[in-house]
Amino acid sequence: MPNLFGRDIPDTIVLPDPEDTVEGPLLLKALSLRADNTFGSANRRGAVWDHNGELNAFCFMGHSAPDENCTCGIYGTLDFKLGERYQKLSPDTNAIVLFECRGRFIFHENGVGRCYQAVVRAVVDFLPAG
C-alpha cells in the first residue's frame, strides 16, 4: 500500500478501513514501526500501539486522561517537521503517522493536541534512519 509520498508501506500493517468515518480531530505523530508491525512511541518506551494501530492513554495520577491540570494524554501535532525533533530524542523513530483522536480531546494554542485514544489512520511518511 503506498503512503502519501508513493513509498510502499508493508502489507502486514493493519490500518482502519479508509471507508470508515473519521469523527475525531486528526493529528500527526512520529513513531517507530517495529519488527512485529506495531508502532512504538518515540518518547514513552513502554507505549506500544496494538496491531489495529490503537493506543489508550492513562495517567499515573489516577484520573482520566487527558486532564487540564496535568500533562497526561496522547500527544499529536499539526507540525509536519516533528519527525526531525523526535528522531533526536529516539533514533528508532522512523514513521510519521496521521491519527484520529477519540474520547476527551484538549487542543493547545501552539498546534499541539492530546487525547484519550489515538487510532492510526495513515502512514504519511517514512523517515531516514537516525
Protein backbone atom coordinates (compact mmCIF):
# COMPACT_ATOMS: atom_id res chain seq x y z
CA MET A 1 0.00 0.00 0.00
CA PRO A 2 1.51 3.40 -0.91
CA ASN A 3 1.71 6.32 1.50
CA LEU A 4 1.19 9.97 0.54
CA PHE A 5 4.66 10.11 -0.99
CA GLY A 6 4.24 6.96 -3.10
CA ARG A 7 6.57 4.82 -0.97
CA ASP A 8 5.42 1.33 -0.10
CA ILE A 9 4.04 0.52 3.33
CA PRO A 10 4.36 -3.13 4.43
CA ASP A 11 1.13 -5.07 3.76
CA THR A 12 1.29 -6.51 7.25
CA ILE A 13 0.45 -3.13 8.83
CA VAL A 14 -3.26 -3.19 9.65
CA LEU A 15 -4.92 0.21 9.34
CA PRO A 16 -8.63 1.06 9.66
CA ASP A 17 -10.72 0.80 6.52
CA PRO A 18 -10.44 4.09 4.58
CA GLU A 19 -14.23 3.97 4.19
CA ASP A 20 -14.68 4.23 7.98
CA THR A 21 -15.98 7.60 9.10
CA VAL A 22 -13.45 9.78 10.91
CA GLU A 23 -15.19 11.50 13.79
CA GLY A 24 -12.38 12.99 15.86
CA PRO A 25 -9.65 15.53 15.14
CA LEU A 26 -6.66 14.35 13.07
CA LEU A 27 -3.09 14.96 14.21
CA LEU A 28 0.42 13.86 13.23
CA LYS A 29 2.81 11.85 15.37
CA ALA A 30 6.32 10.45 14.94
CA LEU A 31 6.50 6.76 15.87
CA SER A 32 8.76 3.79 15.38
CA LEU A 33 7.47 0.99 13.18
CA ARG A 34 8.71 -2.13 14.97
CA ALA A 35 9.70 -5.53 13.53
CA ASP A 36 6.38 -7.04 14.68
CA ASN A 37 4.49 -4.34 12.68
CA THR A 38 3.25 -2.50 15.73
CA PHE A 39 4.07 1.13 16.42
CA GLY A 40 6.13 2.24 19.40
CA SER A 41 6.18 5.67 20.98
CA ALA A 42 9.21 7.88 20.43
CA ASN A 43 9.27 9.26 23.96
CA ARG A 44 7.48 6.57 26.02
CA ARG A 45 9.36 3.30 25.59
CA GLY A 46 6.57 1.21 27.12
CA ALA A 47 3.81 2.64 24.94
CA VAL A 48 3.18 0.12 22.16
CA TRP A 49 0.24 0.64 19.87
CA ASP A 50 -1.74 -2.56 19.26
CA HIS A 51 -1.94 -4.31 15.87
CA ASN A 52 -5.01 -2.24 14.97
CA GLY A 53 -2.98 0.95 15.42
CA GLU A 54 -4.77 1.95 18.64
CA LEU A 55 -3.45 3.28 21.93
CA ASN A 56 -5.34 4.38 25.04
CA ALA A 57 -3.90 6.97 27.40
CA PHE A 58 -3.66 6.58 31.15
CA CYS A 59 -2.34 8.78 33.91
CA PHE A 60 -0.11 7.75 36.80
CA MET A 61 -2.00 10.28 38.94
CA GLY A 62 -5.12 8.11 38.71
CA HIS A 63 -7.51 10.45 36.85
CA SER A 64 -8.91 10.12 33.34
CA ALA A 65 -6.59 11.30 30.58
CA PRO A 66 -6.18 13.91 29.33
CA ASP A 67 -6.77 16.36 32.15
CA GLU A 68 -6.49 20.17 32.02
CA ASN A 69 -4.38 20.20 35.20
CA CYS A 70 -1.94 17.52 34.09
CA THR A 71 0.34 16.69 31.16
CA CYS A 72 -1.20 13.26 30.51
CA GLY A 73 -2.72 12.10 27.23
CA ILE A 74 -1.56 11.03 23.80
CA TYR A 75 0.08 13.98 22.07
CA GLY A 76 -0.01 14.92 18.41
CA THR A 77 0.66 18.00 16.33
CA LEU A 78 -0.20 19.82 13.13
CA ASP A 79 3.53 20.46 12.51
CA PHE A 80 4.92 18.12 9.85
CA LYS A 81 8.54 18.79 10.87
CA LEU A 82 8.00 17.00 14.16
CA GLY A 83 9.83 13.91 12.88
CA GLU A 84 13.18 15.63 12.89
CA ARG A 85 12.74 16.70 16.51
CA TYR A 86 11.61 13.26 17.67
CA GLN A 87 14.46 11.49 15.89
CA LYS A 88 16.85 13.43 18.11
CA LEU A 89 15.04 12.02 21.17
CA SER A 90 14.71 8.50 19.82
CA PRO A 91 16.83 7.34 16.84
CA ASP A 92 14.45 4.42 16.15
CA THR A 93 11.68 6.87 15.18
CA ASN A 94 11.05 6.03 11.54
CA ALA A 95 7.46 6.92 10.60
CA ILE A 96 5.11 9.89 10.61
CA VAL A 97 1.50 8.81 11.09
CA LEU A 98 -1.82 10.59 10.87
CA PHE A 99 -4.01 9.55 13.77
CA GLU A 100 -7.59 10.16 14.82
CA CYS A 101 -8.25 11.42 18.33
CA ARG A 102 -11.12 9.74 20.18
CA GLY A 103 -12.63 10.50 23.54
CA ARG A 104 -11.64 13.57 25.52
CA PHE A 105 -9.50 15.98 23.47
CA ILE A 106 -7.57 19.09 24.54
CA PHE A 107 -6.14 21.41 21.88
CA HIS A 108 -3.37 23.88 22.74
CA GLU A 109 -2.67 27.19 21.00
CA ASN A 110 0.73 26.01 19.70
CA GLY A 111 -0.82 23.43 17.35
CA VAL A 112 -0.42 20.53 19.77
CA GLY A 113 -3.31 18.40 20.91
CA ARG A 114 -3.73 15.49 23.28
CA CYS A 115 -6.45 12.91 23.64
CA TYR A 116 -7.61 9.78 25.43
CA GLN A 117 -7.45 7.34 22.49
CA ALA A 118 -5.46 7.53 19.25
CA VAL A 119 -6.11 5.42 16.16
CA VAL A 120 -3.58 5.43 13.30
CA ARG A 121 -5.36 6.32 10.06
CA ALA A 122 -2.41 6.51 7.67
CA VAL A 123 1.36 6.29 7.47
CA VAL A 124 2.22 9.67 5.98
CA ASP A 125 5.97 9.27 5.52
CA PHE A 126 8.96 7.18 6.49
CA LEU A 127 11.96 8.94 7.99
CA PRO A 128 15.55 8.20 7.06
CA ALA A 129 17.45 6.04 9.56
CA GLY A 130 18.61 8.12 12.52
